[in-house]
Amino acid sequence: MAALHDNKINGILADDMGLGKTIQAISLIAYLHERGINELPNLIIAPKSTMSNWMLEFGRWTPHLRVVQLRPTLEFRDAILKE
């Protein structure tokens, strides 16, 4: 992932489950934030079935980052985006 970032390409390999993609992505975001390289929001698109795990892992490993889960309802998105 760092090689992708170094070449100004964004992405992550969506391969088999259980290979640590969640932690790799979270650690890259935390590293970029800590170094001041990227203060902008990051967007992670994942299946609804994995969202609770993403939220849990962000809370565990990066409690200093603000993480928002956008649910697929118009009312919820509007409320979050107004914040």
PDB file of N, CA and C in Angstrom:
ATOM      1  N   MET A   1       0.811  -1.191   0.000  1.00  0.00           N
ATOM      2  CA  MET A   1       0.000   0.000   0.000  1.00  0.00           C
ATOM      3  C   MET A   1       0.851   1.250   0.000  1.00  0.00           C
ATOM      4  N   ALA A   2       1.946   1.239   0.732  1.00  0.00           N
ATOM      5  CA  ALA A   2       2.789   2.426   0.758  1.00  0.00           C
ATOM      6  C   ALA A   2       3.334   2.713  -0.639  1.00  0.00           C
ATOM      7  N   ALA A   3       3.647   1.665  -1.402  1.00  0.00           N
ATOM      8  CA  ALA A   3       4.140   1.867  -2.760  1.00  0.00           C
ATOM      9  C   ALA A   3       3.076   2.537  -3.619  1.00  0.00           C
ATOM     10  N   LEU A   4       1.829   2.154  -3.438  1.00  0.00           N
ATOM     11  CA  LEU A   4       0.752   2.821  -4.158  1.00  0.00           C
ATOM     12  C   LEU A   4       0.717   4.296  -3.792  1.00  0.00           C
ATOM     13  N   HIS A   5       0.777   4.592  -2.513  1.00  0.00           N
ATOM     14  CA  HIS A   5       0.726   5.978  -2.047  1.00  0.00           C
ATOM     15  C   HIS A   5       1.920   6.770  -2.561  1.00  0.00           C
ATOM     16  N   ASP A   6       3.099   6.169  -2.525  1.00  0.00           N
ATOM     17  CA  ASP A   6       4.305   6.854  -3.001  1.00  0.00           C
ATOM     18  C   ASP A   6       4.191   7.250  -4.470  1.00  0.00           C
ATOM     19  N   ASN A   7       3.434   6.479  -5.230  1.00  0.00           N
ATOM     20  CA  ASN A   7       3.238   6.764  -6.656  1.00  0.00           C
ATOM     21  C   ASN A   7       1.950   7.544  -6.913  1.00  0.00           C
ATOM     22  N   LYS A   8       1.389   8.102  -5.849  1.00  0.00           N
ATOM     23  CA  LYS A   8       0.164   8.905  -5.930  1.00  0.00           C
ATOM     24  C   LYS A   8      -1.007   8.124  -6.527  1.00  0.00           C
ATOM     25  N   ILE A   9      -1.061   6.847  -6.186  1.00  0.00           N
ATOM     26  CA  ILE A   9      -2.162   5.972  -6.585  1.00  0.00           C
ATOM     27  C   ILE A   9      -2.853   5.523  -5.312  1.00  0.00           C
ATOM     28  N   ASN A  10      -4.163   5.526  -5.328  1.00  0.00           N
ATOM     29  CA  ASN A  10      -4.913   5.101  -4.151  1.00  0.00           C
ATOM     30  C   ASN A  10      -5.553   3.752  -4.416  1.00  0.00           C
ATOM     31  N   GLY A  11      -5.500   2.890  -3.430  1.00  0.00           N
ATOM     32  CA  GLY A  11      -6.150   1.600  -3.592  1.00  0.00           C
ATOM     33  C   GLY A  11      -5.601   0.578  -2.632  1.00  0.00           C
ATOM     34  N   ILE A  12      -6.279  -0.524  -2.579  1.00  0.00           N
ATOM     35  CA  ILE A  12      -5.860  -1.661  -1.769  1.00  0.00           C
ATOM     36  C   ILE A  12      -6.305  -2.915  -2.499  1.00  0.00           C
ATOM     37  N   LEU A  13      -5.505  -3.921  -2.432  1.00  0.00           N
ATOM     38  CA  LEU A  13      -5.815  -5.169  -3.099  1.00  0.00           C
ATOM     39  C   LEU A  13      -6.957  -5.865  -2.366  1.00  0.00           C
ATOM     40  N   ALA A  14      -8.031  -6.105  -3.051  1.00  0.00           N
ATOM     41  CA  ALA A  14      -9.194  -6.768  -2.449  1.00  0.00           C
ATOM     42  C   ALA A  14      -9.105  -8.256  -2.735  1.00  0.00           C
ATOM     43  N   ASP A  15      -8.306  -8.943  -1.960  1.00  0.00           N
ATOM     44  CA  ASP A  15      -8.089 -10.366  -2.178  1.00  0.00           C
ATOM     45  C   ASP A  15      -8.815 -11.186  -1.122  1.00  0.00           C
ATOM     46  N   ASP A  16      -8.318 -12.345  -0.839  1.00  0.00           N
ATOM     47  CA  ASP A  16      -8.970 -13.255   0.108  1.00  0.00           C
ATOM     48  C   ASP A  16      -9.087 -12.646   1.495  1.00  0.00           C
ATOM     49  N   MET A  17     -10.054 -13.155   2.240  1.00  0.00           N
ATOM     50  CA  MET A  17     -10.264 -12.689   3.608  1.00  0.00           C
ATOM     51  C   MET A  17      -9.137 -13.185   4.512  1.00  0.00           C
ATOM     52  N   GLY A  18      -8.896 -12.421   5.575  1.00  0.00           N
ATOM     53  CA  GLY A  18      -7.956 -12.855   6.593  1.00  0.00           C
ATOM     54  C   GLY A  18      -6.507 -12.534   6.326  1.00  0.00           C
ATOM     55  N   LEU A  19      -6.227 -11.639   5.386  1.00  0.00           N
ATOM     56  CA  LEU A  19      -4.840 -11.309   5.078  1.00  0.00           C
ATOM     57  C   LEU A  19      -4.406  -9.963   5.644  1.00  0.00           C
ATOM     58  N   GLY A  20      -5.223  -9.348   6.480  1.00  0.00           N
ATOM     59  CA  GLY A  20      -4.815  -8.141   7.179  1.00  0.00           C
ATOM     60  C   GLY A  20      -5.042  -6.830   6.457  1.00  0.00           C
ATOM     61  N   LYS A  21      -5.927  -6.810   5.475  1.00  0.00           N
ATOM     62  CA  LYS A  21      -6.163  -5.573   4.721  1.00  0.00           C
ATOM     63  C   LYS A  21      -6.705  -4.462   5.608  1.00  0.00           C
ATOM     64  N   THR A  22      -7.564  -4.787   6.547  1.00  0.00           N
ATOM     65  CA  THR A  22      -8.146  -3.767   7.430  1.00  0.00           C
ATOM     66  C   THR A  22      -7.051  -3.078   8.228  1.00  0.00           C
ATOM     67  N   ILE A  23      -6.211  -3.846   8.875  1.00  0.00           N
ATOM     68  CA  ILE A  23      -5.152  -3.285   9.710  1.00  0.00           C
ATOM     69  C   ILE A  23      -4.125  -2.544   8.846  1.00  0.00           C
ATOM     70  N   GLN A  24      -3.828  -3.058   7.651  1.00  0.00           N
ATOM     71  CA  GLN A  24      -2.897  -2.372   6.764  1.00  0.00           C
ATOM     72  C   GLN A  24      -3.440  -0.995   6.379  1.00  0.00           C
ATOM     73  N   ALA A  25      -4.708  -0.941   6.022  1.00  0.00           N
ATOM     74  CA  ALA A  25      -5.313   0.328   5.624  1.00  0.00           C
ATOM     75  C   ALA A  25      -5.347   1.304   6.795  1.00  0.00           C
ATOM     76  N   ILE A  26      -5.737   0.829   7.964  1.00  0.00           N
ATOM     77  CA  ILE A  26      -5.805   1.683   9.148  1.00  0.00           C
ATOM     78  C   ILE A  26      -4.411   2.192   9.518  1.00  0.00           C
ATOM     79  N   SER A  27      -3.419   1.327   9.450  1.00  0.00           N
ATOM     80  CA  SER A  27      -2.070   1.760   9.820  1.00  0.00           C
ATOM     81  C   SER A  27      -1.534   2.788   8.831  1.00  0.00           C
ATOM     82  N   LEU A  28      -1.839   2.656   7.548  1.00  0.00           N
ATOM     83  CA  LEU A  28      -1.397   3.647   6.570  1.00  0.00           C
ATOM     84  C   LEU A  28      -2.071   4.992   6.830  1.00  0.00           C
ATOM     85  N   ILE A  29      -3.371   4.987   7.089  1.00  0.00           N
ATOM     86  CA  ILE A  29      -4.092   6.230   7.375  1.00  0.00           C
ATOM     87  C   ILE A  29      -3.528   6.887   8.638  1.00  0.00           C
ATOM     88  N   ALA A  30      -3.281   6.079   9.676  1.00  0.00           N
ATOM     89  CA  ALA A  30      -2.723   6.614  10.917  1.00  0.00           C
ATOM     90  C   ALA A  30      -1.325   7.195  10.689  1.00  0.00           C
ATOM     91  N   TYR A  31      -0.502   6.504   9.916  1.00  0.00           N
ATOM     92  CA  TYR A  31       0.846   6.977   9.619  1.00  0.00           C
ATOM     93  C   TYR A  31       0.800   8.323   8.883  1.00  0.00           C
ATOM     94  N   LEU A  32      -0.029   8.402   7.849  1.00  0.00           N
ATOM     95  CA  LEU A  32      -0.129   9.636   7.078  1.00  0.00           C
ATOM     96  C   LEU A  32      -0.634  10.790   7.940  1.00  0.00           C
ATOM     97  N   HIS A  33      -1.588  10.496   8.809  1.00  0.00           N
ATOM     98  CA  HIS A  33      -2.122  11.525   9.705  1.00  0.00           C
ATOM     99  C   HIS A  33      -1.051  11.974  10.712  1.00  0.00           C
ATOM    100  N   GLU A  34      -0.352  11.004  11.293  1.00  0.00           N
ATOM    101  CA  GLU A  34       0.669  11.314  12.298  1.00  0.00           C
ATOM    102  C   GLU A  34       1.797  12.158  11.714  1.00  0.00           C
ATOM    103  N   ARG A  35       2.192  11.876  10.511  1.00  0.00           N
ATOM    104  CA  ARG A  35       3.285  12.601   9.853  1.00  0.00           C
ATOM    105  C   ARG A  35       2.839  13.912   9.226  1.00  0.00           C
ATOM    106  N   GLY A  36       1.524  14.187   9.250  1.00  0.00           N
ATOM    107  CA  GLY A  36       1.020  15.413   8.650  1.00  0.00           C
ATOM    108  C   GLY A  36       1.022  15.378   7.129  1.00  0.00           C
ATOM    109  N   ILE A  37       1.146  14.198   6.571  1.00  0.00           N
ATOM    110  CA  ILE A  37       1.183  14.040   5.120  1.00  0.00           C
ATOM    111  C   ILE A  37      -0.212  14.193   4.532  1.00  0.00           C
ATOM    112  N   ASN A  38      -1.208  13.732   5.257  1.00  0.00           N
ATOM    113  CA  ASN A  38      -2.578  13.813   4.757  1.00  0.00           C
ATOM    114  C   ASN A  38      -3.521  14.112   5.913  1.00  0.00           C
ATOM    115  N   GLU A  39      -4.020  15.318   5.949  1.00  0.00           N
ATOM    116  CA  GLU A  39      -4.994  15.716   6.968  1.00  0.00           C
ATOM    117  C   GLU A  39      -6.409  15.644   6.411  1.00  0.00           C
ATOM    118  N   LEU A  40      -6.535  15.340   5.138  1.00  0.00           N
ATOM    119  CA  LEU A  40      -7.853  15.291   4.502  1.00  0.00           C
ATOM    120  C   LEU A  40      -8.612  14.043   4.917  1.00  0.00           C
ATOM    121  N   PRO A  41      -9.925  14.063   4.775  1.00  0.00           N
ATOM    122  CA  PRO A  41     -10.705  12.857   5.077  1.00  0.00           C
ATOM    123  C   PRO A  41     -10.344  11.717   4.120  1.00  0.00           C
ATOM    124  N   ASN A  42     -10.489  10.510   4.601  1.00  0.00           N
ATOM    125  CA  ASN A  42     -10.274   9.315   3.797  1.00  0.00           C
ATOM    126  C   ASN A  42     -11.603   8.596   3.654  1.00  0.00           C
ATOM    127  N   LEU A  43     -11.830   8.014   2.515  1.00  0.00           N
ATOM    128  CA  LEU A  43     -13.058   7.274   2.262  1.00  0.00           C
ATOM    129  C   LEU A  43     -12.722   5.810   2.092  1.00  0.00           C
ATOM    130  N   ILE A  44     -13.388   4.980   2.886  1.00  0.00           N
ATOM    131  CA  ILE A  44     -13.237   3.538   2.765  1.00  0.00           C
ATOM    132  C   ILE A  44     -14.600   2.993   2.366  1.00  0.00           C
ATOM    133  N   ILE A  45     -14.632   2.287   1.278  1.00  0.00           N
ATOM    134  CA  ILE A  45     -15.870   1.669   0.808  1.00  0.00           C
ATOM    135  C   ILE A  45     -15.742   0.178   1.052  1.00  0.00           C
ATOM    136  N   ALA A  46     -16.684  -0.342   1.820  1.00  0.00           N
ATOM    137  CA  ALA A  46     -16.629  -1.755   2.189  1.00  0.00           C
ATOM    138  C   ALA A  46     -18.049  -2.305   2.266  1.00  0.00           C
ATOM    139  N   PRO A  47     -18.185  -3.616   2.177  1.00  0.00           N
ATOM    140  CA  PRO A  47     -19.518  -4.213   2.325  1.00  0.00           C
ATOM    141  C   PRO A  47     -20.109  -3.912   3.701  1.00  0.00           C
ATOM    142  N   LYS A  48     -21.419  -3.754   3.753  1.00  0.00           N
ATOM    143  CA  LYS A  48     -22.091  -3.487   5.034  1.00  0.00           C
ATOM    144  C   LYS A  48     -21.757  -4.546   6.073  1.00  0.00           C
ATOM    145  N   SER A  49     -21.561  -5.763   5.631  1.00  0.00           N
ATOM    146  CA  SER A  49     -21.289  -6.851   6.570  1.00  0.00           C
ATOM    147  C   SER A  49     -19.949  -6.692   7.283  1.00  0.00           C
ATOM    148  N   THR A  50     -19.055  -5.873   6.764  1.00  0.00           N
ATOM    149  CA  THR A  50     -17.747  -5.692   7.397  1.00  0.00           C
ATOM    150  C   THR A  50     -17.609  -4.358   8.132  1.00  0.00           C
ATOM    151  N   MET A  51     -18.617  -3.502   8.041  1.00  0.00           N
ATOM    152  CA  MET A  51     -18.500  -2.160   8.620  1.00  0.00           C
ATOM    153  C   MET A  51     -18.310  -2.173  10.135  1.00  0.00           C
ATOM    154  N   SER A  52     -19.012  -3.049  10.828  1.00  0.00           N
ATOM    155  CA  SER A  52     -18.845  -3.073  12.290  1.00  0.00           C
ATOM    156  C   SER A  52     -17.413  -3.438  12.672  1.00  0.00           C
ATOM    157  N   ASN A  53     -16.788  -4.328  11.917  1.00  0.00           N
ATOM    158  CA  ASN A  53     -15.398  -4.685  12.197  1.00  0.00           C
ATOM    159  C   ASN A  53     -14.459  -3.516  11.912  1.00  0.00           C
ATOM    160  N   TRP A  54     -14.691  -2.802  10.801  1.00  0.00           N
ATOM    161  CA  TRP A  54     -13.869  -1.626  10.508  1.00  0.00           C
ATOM    162  C   TRP A  54     -13.964  -0.614  11.643  1.00  0.00           C
ATOM    163  N   MET A  55     -15.175  -0.334  12.103  1.00  0.00           N
ATOM    164  CA  MET A  55     -15.365   0.635  13.173  1.00  0.00           C
ATOM    165  C   MET A  55     -14.665   0.171  14.449  1.00  0.00           C
ATOM    166  N   LEU A  56     -14.778  -1.113  14.769  1.00  0.00           N
ATOM    167  CA  LEU A  56     -14.132  -1.682  15.948  1.00  0.00           C
ATOM    168  C   LEU A  56     -12.611  -1.530  15.858  1.00  0.00           C
ATOM    169  N   GLU A  57     -12.049  -1.860  14.720  1.00  0.00           N
ATOM    170  CA  GLU A  57     -10.598  -1.796  14.559  1.00  0.00           C
ATOM    171  C   GLU A  57     -10.078  -0.351  14.579  1.00  0.00           C
ATOM    172  N   PHE A  58     -10.815   0.572  13.962  1.00  0.00           N
ATOM    173  CA  PHE A  58     -10.400   1.985  14.049  1.00  0.00           C
ATOM    174  C   PHE A  58     -10.421   2.441  15.504  1.00  0.00           C
ATOM    175  N   GLY A  59     -11.454   2.063  16.245  1.00  0.00           N
ATOM    176  CA  GLY A  59     -11.529   2.435  17.658  1.00  0.00           C
ATOM    177  C   GLY A  59     -10.406   1.840  18.478  1.00  0.00           C
ATOM    178  N   ARG A  60     -10.015   0.638  18.146  1.00  0.00           N
ATOM    179  CA  ARG A  60      -8.959  -0.048  18.883  1.00  0.00           C
ATOM    180  C   ARG A  60      -7.581   0.543  18.575  1.00  0.00           C
ATOM    181  N   TRP A  61      -7.290   0.767  17.296  1.00  0.00           N
ATOM    182  CA  TRP A  61      -5.939   1.139  16.893  1.00  0.00           C
ATOM    183  C   TRP A  61      -5.725   2.637  16.722  1.00  0.00           C
ATOM    184  N   THR A  62      -6.783   3.384  16.437  1.00  0.00           N
ATOM    185  CA  THR A  62      -6.619   4.828  16.204  1.00  0.00           C
ATOM    186  C   THR A  62      -7.734   5.607  16.899  1.00  0.00           C
ATOM    187  N   PRO A  63      -7.799   5.523  18.223  1.00  0.00           N
ATOM    188  CA  PRO A  63      -8.870   6.235  18.921  1.00  0.00           C
ATOM    189  C   PRO A  63      -8.785   7.753  18.772  1.00  0.00           C
ATOM    190  N   HIS A  64      -7.627   8.269  18.359  1.00  0.00           N
ATOM    191  CA  HIS A  64      -7.451   9.718  18.182  1.00  0.00           C
ATOM    192  C   HIS A  64      -8.038  10.219  16.864  1.00  0.00           C
ATOM    193  N   LEU A  65      -8.383   9.327  15.950  1.00  0.00           N
ATOM    194  CA  LEU A  65      -8.965   9.741  14.666  1.00  0.00           C
ATOM    195  C   LEU A  65     -10.486   9.741  14.747  1.00  0.00           C
ATOM    196  N   ARG A  66     -11.090  10.694  14.092  1.00  0.00           N
ATOM    197  CA  ARG A  66     -12.558  10.747  14.017  1.00  0.00           C
ATOM    198  C   ARG A  66     -13.002   9.845  12.872  1.00  0.00           C
ATOM    199  N   VAL A  67     -13.804   8.867  13.190  1.00  0.00           N
ATOM    200  CA  VAL A  67     -14.280   7.900  12.201  1.00  0.00           C
ATOM    201  C   VAL A  67     -15.797   7.966  12.165  1.00  0.00           C
ATOM    202  N   VAL A  68     -16.339   8.092  10.972  1.00  0.00           N
ATOM    203  CA  VAL A  68     -17.782   8.201  10.787  1.00  0.00           C
ATOM    204  C   VAL A  68     -18.220   7.118   9.818  1.00  0.00           C
ATOM    205  N   GLN A  69     -19.256   6.413  10.188  1.00  0.00           N
ATOM    206  CA  GLN A  69     -19.828   5.408   9.301  1.00  0.00           C
ATOM    207  C   GLN A  69     -21.039   6.029   8.601  1.00  0.00           C
ATOM    208  N   LEU A  70     -20.963   6.141   7.292  1.00  0.00           N
ATOM    209  CA  LEU A  70     -22.083   6.677   6.529  1.00  0.00           C
ATOM    210  C   LEU A  70     -22.998   5.527   6.142  1.00  0.00           C
ATOM    211  N   ARG A  71     -24.170   5.543   6.681  1.00  0.00           N
ATOM    212  CA  ARG A  71     -25.143   4.497   6.350  1.00  0.00           C
ATOM    213  C   ARG A  71     -25.905   4.907   5.095  1.00  0.00           C
ATOM    214  N   PRO A  72     -26.413   3.948   4.384  1.00  0.00           N
ATOM    215  CA  PRO A  72     -27.039   4.259   3.096  1.00  0.00           C
ATOM    216  C   PRO A  72     -28.466   4.823   3.193  1.00  0.00           C
ATOM    217  N   THR A  73     -28.676   5.766   4.104  1.00  0.00           N
ATOM    218  CA  THR A  73     -29.965   6.452   4.134  1.00  0.00           C
ATOM    219  C   THR A  73     -29.712   7.932   3.949  1.00  0.00           C
ATOM    220  N   LEU A  74     -30.531   8.566   3.185  1.00  0.00           N
ATOM    221  CA  LEU A  74     -30.344   9.973   2.863  1.00  0.00           C
ATOM    222  C   LEU A  74     -30.352  10.846   4.114  1.00  0.00           C
ATOM    223  N   GLU A  75     -31.256  10.579   5.044  1.00  0.00           N
ATOM    224  CA  GLU A  75     -31.358  11.395   6.253  1.00  0.00           C
ATOM    225  C   GLU A  75     -30.074  11.313   7.087  1.00  0.00           C
ATOM    226  N   PHE A  76     -29.533  10.124   7.242  1.00  0.00           N
ATOM    227  CA  PHE A  76     -28.326   9.950   8.032  1.00  0.00           C
ATOM    228  C   PHE A  76     -27.150  10.658   7.378  1.00  0.00           C
ATOM    229  N   ARG A  77     -26.983  10.509   6.066  1.00  0.00           N
ATOM    230  CA  ARG A  77     -25.889  11.161   5.364  1.00  0.00           C
ATOM    231  C   ARG A  77     -25.981  12.671   5.484  1.00  0.00           C
ATOM    232  N   ASP A  78     -27.173  13.229   5.322  1.00  0.00           N
ATOM    233  CA  ASP A  78     -27.336  14.672   5.432  1.00  0.00           C
ATOM    234  C   ASP A  78     -26.927  15.176   6.805  1.00  0.00           C
ATOM    235  N   ALA A  79     -27.321  14.461   7.856  1.00  0.00           N
ATOM    236  CA  ALA A  79     -26.981  14.871   9.218  1.00  0.00           C
ATOM    237  C   ALA A  79     -25.478  14.838   9.447  1.00  0.00           C
ATOM    238  N   ILE A  80     -24.812  13.790   8.995  1.00  0.00           N
ATOM    239  CA  ILE A  80     -23.371  13.669   9.185  1.00  0.00           C
ATOM    240  C   ILE A  80     -22.627  14.733   8.382  1.00  0.00           C
ATOM    241  N   LEU A  81     -23.036  14.933   7.144  1.00  0.00           N
ATOM    242  CA  LEU A  81     -22.321  15.888   6.290  1.00  0.00           C
ATOM    243  C   LEU A  81     -22.487  17.313   6.775  1.00  0.00           C
ATOM    244  N   LYS A  82     -23.570  17.620   7.487  1.00  0.00           N
ATOM    245  CA  LYS A  82     -23.756  18.965   8.039  1.00  0.00           C
ATOM    246  C   LYS A  82     -22.791  19.234   9.182  1.00  0.00           C
ATOM    247  N   GLU A  83     -22.376  18.169   9.884  1.00  0.00           N
ATOM    248  CA  GLU A  83     -21.392  18.323  10.972  1.00  0.00           C
ATOM    249  C   GLU A  83     -20.086  18.765  10.391  1.00  0.00           C
TER     250      GLU A  83
END
